[in-house]
Amino acid sequence: MVVYQEFETKKLLESALARPRQRLSCEEKVSVFELAASYSFGLAKNHPLVDGNKRIALTVSAIFLELNEYSLDAPEAEAAVMYELLASGSLAEDALAIWFRDSSISNA
């Protein structure tokens, strides 16, 4: 039983992390904000971890933005609300991408 759960968890994590790469390879135009939202959406919705999926989703997306010369500059309370909405299904992936765009500062 434990081995099955670990295998399922690994598949869910791999699936979540593959979403942005799939979008990048299949869509003609995709922004860094859409890719960051794709990371968050996959991690928050797939629930690959026992705990901390929303925190990990936010962290991975913020690091992704940093690696692409943007800094997420949103108040912590606002980010918490956004990720609660995302996890509950009340926030669409494209709306999260817009929030990332509006809440980020270019480091270029």
N, C-alpha and C. Protein backbone atom coordinates (compact mmCIF):
# COMPACT_ATOMS: atom_id res chain seq x y z
N MET A 1 0.82 -1.20 0.00
CA MET A 1 0.00 0.00 0.00
C MET A 1 0.86 1.26 0.00
N VAL A 2 1.90 1.30 0.82
CA VAL A 2 2.77 2.47 0.89
C VAL A 2 3.49 2.69 -0.42
N VAL A 3 3.95 1.61 -1.06
CA VAL A 3 4.64 1.73 -2.34
C VAL A 3 3.70 2.32 -3.38
N TYR A 4 2.46 1.89 -3.42
CA TYR A 4 1.49 2.42 -4.36
C TYR A 4 1.28 3.92 -4.13
N GLN A 5 1.15 4.32 -2.87
CA GLN A 5 0.95 5.73 -2.55
C GLN A 5 2.15 6.56 -2.98
N GLU A 6 3.35 6.06 -2.75
CA GLU A 6 4.56 6.79 -3.16
C GLU A 6 4.62 6.92 -4.68
N PHE A 7 4.22 5.84 -5.38
CA PHE A 7 4.21 5.88 -6.84
C PHE A 7 3.20 6.90 -7.34
N GLU A 8 2.01 6.91 -6.77
CA GLU A 8 0.99 7.88 -7.15
C GLU A 8 1.45 9.30 -6.87
N THR A 9 2.08 9.51 -5.72
CA THR A 9 2.58 10.84 -5.37
C THR A 9 3.63 11.29 -6.37
N LYS A 10 4.52 10.40 -6.75
CA LYS A 10 5.56 10.74 -7.72
C LYS A 10 4.93 11.10 -9.07
N LYS A 11 3.93 10.34 -9.50
CA LYS A 11 3.26 10.63 -10.76
C LYS A 11 2.56 11.99 -10.73
N LEU A 12 1.92 12.30 -9.60
CA LEU A 12 1.24 13.59 -9.48
C LEU A 12 2.23 14.74 -9.52
N LEU A 13 3.37 14.59 -8.87
CA LEU A 13 4.40 15.62 -8.87
C LEU A 13 4.99 15.79 -10.27
N GLU A 14 5.32 14.69 -10.91
CA GLU A 14 5.87 14.76 -12.27
C GLU A 14 4.87 15.40 -13.23
N SER A 15 3.62 15.06 -13.08
CA SER A 15 2.58 15.64 -13.93
C SER A 15 2.49 17.15 -13.74
N ALA A 16 2.51 17.58 -12.49
CA ALA A 16 2.42 19.02 -12.19
C ALA A 16 3.62 19.77 -12.77
N LEU A 17 4.80 19.19 -12.65
CA LEU A 17 6.01 19.86 -13.13
C LEU A 17 6.15 19.81 -14.64
N ALA A 18 5.45 18.88 -15.28
CA ALA A 18 5.51 18.78 -16.73
C ALA A 18 4.57 19.75 -17.44
N ARG A 19 3.57 20.26 -16.74
CA ARG A 19 2.55 21.13 -17.36
C ARG A 19 3.16 22.33 -18.09
N PRO A 20 4.05 23.10 -17.46
CA PRO A 20 4.60 24.26 -18.16
C PRO A 20 5.44 23.87 -19.38
N ARG A 21 6.19 22.79 -19.28
CA ARG A 21 6.99 22.34 -20.43
C ARG A 21 6.08 21.93 -21.58
N GLN A 22 4.98 21.28 -21.26
CA GLN A 22 4.02 20.89 -22.29
C GLN A 22 3.42 22.12 -22.96
N ARG A 23 3.05 23.10 -22.16
CA ARG A 23 2.49 24.34 -22.73
C ARG A 23 3.50 25.02 -23.63
N LEU A 24 4.76 25.08 -23.18
CA LEU A 24 5.80 25.75 -23.95
C LEU A 24 6.04 25.06 -25.28
N SER A 25 5.96 23.74 -25.29
CA SER A 25 6.22 23.02 -26.53
C SER A 25 5.01 22.98 -27.47
N CYS A 26 3.82 23.17 -26.94
CA CYS A 26 2.61 23.03 -27.77
C CYS A 26 1.94 24.35 -28.14
N GLU A 27 2.15 25.37 -27.35
CA GLU A 27 1.49 26.65 -27.63
C GLU A 27 2.44 27.59 -28.35
N GLU A 28 1.89 28.33 -29.29
CA GLU A 28 2.71 29.21 -30.10
C GLU A 28 3.29 30.36 -29.28
N LYS A 29 2.44 31.01 -28.47
CA LYS A 29 2.90 32.11 -27.64
C LYS A 29 2.45 31.85 -26.22
N VAL A 30 3.40 31.80 -25.31
CA VAL A 30 3.07 31.62 -23.90
C VAL A 30 4.04 32.49 -23.10
N SER A 31 3.49 33.25 -22.17
CA SER A 31 4.31 34.18 -21.40
C SER A 31 4.93 33.50 -20.19
N VAL A 32 5.94 34.12 -19.63
CA VAL A 32 6.56 33.61 -18.41
C VAL A 32 5.54 33.57 -17.28
N PHE A 33 4.59 34.48 -17.28
CA PHE A 33 3.55 34.52 -16.25
C PHE A 33 2.57 33.35 -16.41
N GLU A 34 2.26 33.01 -17.65
CA GLU A 34 1.40 31.86 -17.90
C GLU A 34 2.10 30.56 -17.48
N LEU A 35 3.40 30.49 -17.71
CA LEU A 35 4.15 29.30 -17.30
C LEU A 35 4.24 29.21 -15.78
N ALA A 36 4.46 30.34 -15.12
CA ALA A 36 4.48 30.35 -13.65
C ALA A 36 3.13 29.90 -13.10
N ALA A 37 2.05 30.39 -13.70
CA ALA A 37 0.71 29.98 -13.28
C ALA A 37 0.49 28.50 -13.52
N SER A 38 1.05 27.98 -14.58
CA SER A 38 0.92 26.57 -14.88
C SER A 38 1.60 25.70 -13.82
N TYR A 39 2.78 26.14 -13.37
CA TYR A 39 3.43 25.44 -12.25
C TYR A 39 2.53 25.45 -11.02
N SER A 40 2.05 26.62 -10.66
CA SER A 40 1.21 26.74 -9.47
C SER A 40 -0.06 25.92 -9.59
N PHE A 41 -0.71 26.01 -10.72
CA PHE A 41 -1.97 25.30 -10.92
C PHE A 41 -1.77 23.79 -10.75
N GLY A 42 -0.74 23.26 -11.40
CA GLY A 42 -0.48 21.83 -11.31
C GLY A 42 -0.17 21.38 -9.90
N LEU A 43 0.67 22.13 -9.21
CA LEU A 43 1.07 21.74 -7.86
C LEU A 43 -0.07 21.90 -6.86
N ALA A 44 -0.83 22.97 -6.98
CA ALA A 44 -1.92 23.22 -6.03
C ALA A 44 -3.10 22.28 -6.26
N LYS A 45 -3.36 21.93 -7.50
CA LYS A 45 -4.52 21.11 -7.81
C LYS A 45 -4.24 19.61 -7.77
N ASN A 46 -3.02 19.19 -8.08
CA ASN A 46 -2.70 17.76 -8.07
C ASN A 46 -2.49 17.21 -6.66
N HIS A 47 -2.18 18.07 -5.72
CA HIS A 47 -1.91 17.64 -4.33
C HIS A 47 -0.88 16.51 -4.27
N PRO A 48 0.32 16.71 -4.83
CA PRO A 48 1.30 15.63 -4.82
C PRO A 48 1.95 15.40 -3.44
N LEU A 49 1.82 16.35 -2.55
CA LEU A 49 2.45 16.24 -1.24
C LEU A 49 1.41 16.07 -0.15
N VAL A 50 1.82 15.52 0.95
CA VAL A 50 0.90 15.31 2.07
C VAL A 50 0.43 16.66 2.62
N ASP A 51 1.33 17.63 2.67
CA ASP A 51 1.02 18.94 3.23
C ASP A 51 1.85 19.98 2.51
N GLY A 52 1.38 21.22 2.46
CA GLY A 52 2.17 22.32 1.93
C GLY A 52 2.08 22.52 0.44
N ASN A 53 1.08 21.96 -0.22
CA ASN A 53 0.98 22.08 -1.67
C ASN A 53 0.85 23.53 -2.14
N LYS A 54 0.06 24.33 -1.44
CA LYS A 54 -0.09 25.74 -1.83
C LYS A 54 1.21 26.50 -1.63
N ARG A 55 1.88 26.26 -0.50
CA ARG A 55 3.16 26.94 -0.24
C ARG A 55 4.21 26.56 -1.28
N ILE A 56 4.27 25.28 -1.60
CA ILE A 56 5.22 24.82 -2.61
C ILE A 56 4.87 25.41 -3.97
N ALA A 57 3.60 25.46 -4.31
CA ALA A 57 3.17 26.03 -5.59
C ALA A 57 3.60 27.48 -5.71
N LEU A 58 3.39 28.25 -4.66
CA LEU A 58 3.80 29.66 -4.68
C LEU A 58 5.32 29.78 -4.77
N THR A 59 6.02 28.99 -4.00
CA THR A 59 7.49 29.06 -3.98
C THR A 59 8.08 28.69 -5.34
N VAL A 60 7.60 27.61 -5.92
CA VAL A 60 8.12 27.19 -7.23
C VAL A 60 7.87 28.27 -8.28
N SER A 61 6.68 28.85 -8.28
CA SER A 61 6.37 29.89 -9.26
C SER A 61 7.21 31.14 -9.03
N ALA A 62 7.42 31.52 -7.78
CA ALA A 62 8.25 32.69 -7.48
C ALA A 62 9.69 32.46 -7.92
N ILE A 63 10.21 31.28 -7.69
CA ILE A 63 11.57 30.96 -8.12
C ILE A 63 11.65 30.94 -9.65
N PHE A 64 10.63 30.37 -10.29
CA PHE A 64 10.60 30.37 -11.75
C PHE A 64 10.63 31.80 -12.29
N LEU A 65 9.84 32.68 -11.69
CA LEU A 65 9.85 34.08 -12.12
C LEU A 65 11.23 34.70 -11.92
N GLU A 66 11.86 34.43 -10.77
CA GLU A 66 13.21 34.95 -10.50
C GLU A 66 14.20 34.48 -11.55
N LEU A 67 14.12 33.20 -11.91
CA LEU A 67 15.02 32.65 -12.92
C LEU A 67 14.80 33.28 -14.29
N ASN A 68 13.63 33.88 -14.47
CA ASN A 68 13.29 34.54 -15.73
C ASN A 68 13.25 36.06 -15.59
N GLU A 69 14.00 36.57 -14.62
CA GLU A 69 14.24 38.00 -14.43
C GLU A 69 13.03 38.81 -13.99
N TYR A 70 12.19 38.19 -13.17
CA TYR A 70 11.08 38.89 -12.54
C TYR A 70 11.06 38.57 -11.06
N SER A 71 10.62 39.53 -10.27
CA SER A 71 10.43 39.29 -8.84
C SER A 71 8.95 39.45 -8.51
N LEU A 72 8.42 38.46 -7.81
CA LEU A 72 7.04 38.55 -7.36
C LEU A 72 7.01 39.54 -6.20
N ASP A 73 6.20 40.59 -6.35
CA ASP A 73 6.16 41.67 -5.37
C ASP A 73 4.73 41.86 -4.88
N ALA A 74 4.16 40.79 -4.33
CA ALA A 74 2.79 40.83 -3.82
C ALA A 74 2.82 40.73 -2.31
N PRO A 75 1.92 41.42 -1.64
CA PRO A 75 1.83 41.28 -0.18
C PRO A 75 1.51 39.82 0.19
N GLU A 76 2.07 39.37 1.30
CA GLU A 76 1.88 37.99 1.73
C GLU A 76 0.40 37.63 1.89
N ALA A 77 -0.36 38.54 2.47
CA ALA A 77 -1.79 38.28 2.69
C ALA A 77 -2.53 38.11 1.36
N GLU A 78 -2.17 38.91 0.38
CA GLU A 78 -2.80 38.80 -0.95
C GLU A 78 -2.44 37.47 -1.60
N ALA A 79 -1.18 37.07 -1.49
CA ALA A 79 -0.76 35.79 -2.05
C ALA A 79 -1.49 34.63 -1.38
N ALA A 80 -1.67 34.72 -0.08
CA ALA A 80 -2.38 33.67 0.65
C ALA A 80 -3.82 33.54 0.15
N VAL A 81 -4.47 34.65 -0.06
CA VAL A 81 -5.85 34.63 -0.57
C VAL A 81 -5.89 34.04 -1.97
N MET A 82 -4.96 34.46 -2.82
CA MET A 82 -4.92 33.95 -4.19
C MET A 82 -4.76 32.44 -4.21
N TYR A 83 -3.89 31.91 -3.36
CA TYR A 83 -3.63 30.48 -3.37
C TYR A 83 -4.75 29.68 -2.70
N GLU A 84 -5.45 30.28 -1.78
CA GLU A 84 -6.65 29.63 -1.23
C GLU A 84 -7.71 29.54 -2.33
N LEU A 85 -7.87 30.60 -3.09
CA LEU A 85 -8.83 30.59 -4.20
C LEU A 85 -8.43 29.57 -5.26
N LEU A 86 -7.15 29.51 -5.56
CA LEU A 86 -6.65 28.55 -6.55
C LEU A 86 -6.93 27.12 -6.11
N ALA A 87 -6.59 26.81 -4.89
CA ALA A 87 -6.76 25.44 -4.38
C ALA A 87 -8.23 25.04 -4.30
N SER A 88 -9.10 26.00 -4.04
CA SER A 88 -10.53 25.69 -3.92
C SER A 88 -11.22 25.60 -5.28
N GLY A 89 -10.52 25.97 -6.34
CA GLY A 89 -11.12 25.95 -7.67
C GLY A 89 -11.84 27.23 -8.05
N SER A 90 -11.70 28.26 -7.22
CA SER A 90 -12.37 29.54 -7.48
C SER A 90 -11.53 30.51 -8.31
N LEU A 91 -10.29 30.14 -8.60
CA LEU A 91 -9.41 31.00 -9.39
C LEU A 91 -8.88 30.19 -10.57
N ALA A 92 -9.11 30.70 -11.76
CA ALA A 92 -8.65 30.02 -12.97
C ALA A 92 -7.16 30.27 -13.20
N GLU A 93 -6.55 29.36 -13.93
CA GLU A 93 -5.11 29.47 -14.22
C GLU A 93 -4.78 30.76 -14.95
N ASP A 94 -5.61 31.16 -15.91
CA ASP A 94 -5.32 32.40 -16.64
C ASP A 94 -5.45 33.63 -15.75
N ALA A 95 -6.34 33.59 -14.77
CA ALA A 95 -6.45 34.70 -13.82
C ALA A 95 -5.21 34.76 -12.93
N LEU A 96 -4.67 33.62 -12.57
CA LEU A 96 -3.44 33.60 -11.79
C LEU A 96 -2.29 34.17 -12.60
N ALA A 97 -2.24 33.87 -13.88
CA ALA A 97 -1.19 34.41 -14.76
C ALA A 97 -1.28 35.94 -14.80
N ILE A 98 -2.47 36.47 -14.87
CA ILE A 98 -2.66 37.93 -14.86
C ILE A 98 -2.19 38.50 -13.53
N TRP A 99 -2.50 37.83 -12.43
CA TRP A 99 -2.06 38.29 -11.12
C TRP A 99 -0.52 38.29 -11.05
N PHE A 100 0.11 37.24 -11.56
CA PHE A 100 1.58 37.21 -11.58
C PHE A 100 2.12 38.39 -12.39
N ARG A 101 1.53 38.64 -13.55
CA ARG A 101 1.98 39.76 -14.39
C ARG A 101 1.85 41.09 -13.65
N ASP A 102 0.71 41.29 -13.01
CA ASP A 102 0.44 42.55 -12.33
C ASP A 102 1.21 42.70 -11.01
N SER A 103 1.68 41.59 -10.46
CA SER A 103 2.34 41.60 -9.15
C SER A 103 3.85 41.36 -9.25
N SER A 104 4.38 41.44 -10.45
CA SER A 104 5.81 41.17 -10.63
C SER A 104 6.55 42.41 -11.13
N ILE A 105 7.81 42.45 -10.78
CA ILE A 105 8.70 43.55 -11.17
C ILE A 105 9.81 42.95 -12.03
N SER A 106 10.08 43.58 -13.14
CA SER A 106 11.16 43.11 -14.02
C SER A 106 12.52 43.42 -13.40
N ASN A 107 13.40 42.43 -13.45
CA ASN A 107 14.78 42.59 -12.95
C ASN A 107 15.75 42.76 -14.10
N ALA A 108 15.23 42.89 -15.31
CA ALA A 108 16.11 42.98 -16.49
C ALA A 108 16.77 44.33 -16.59
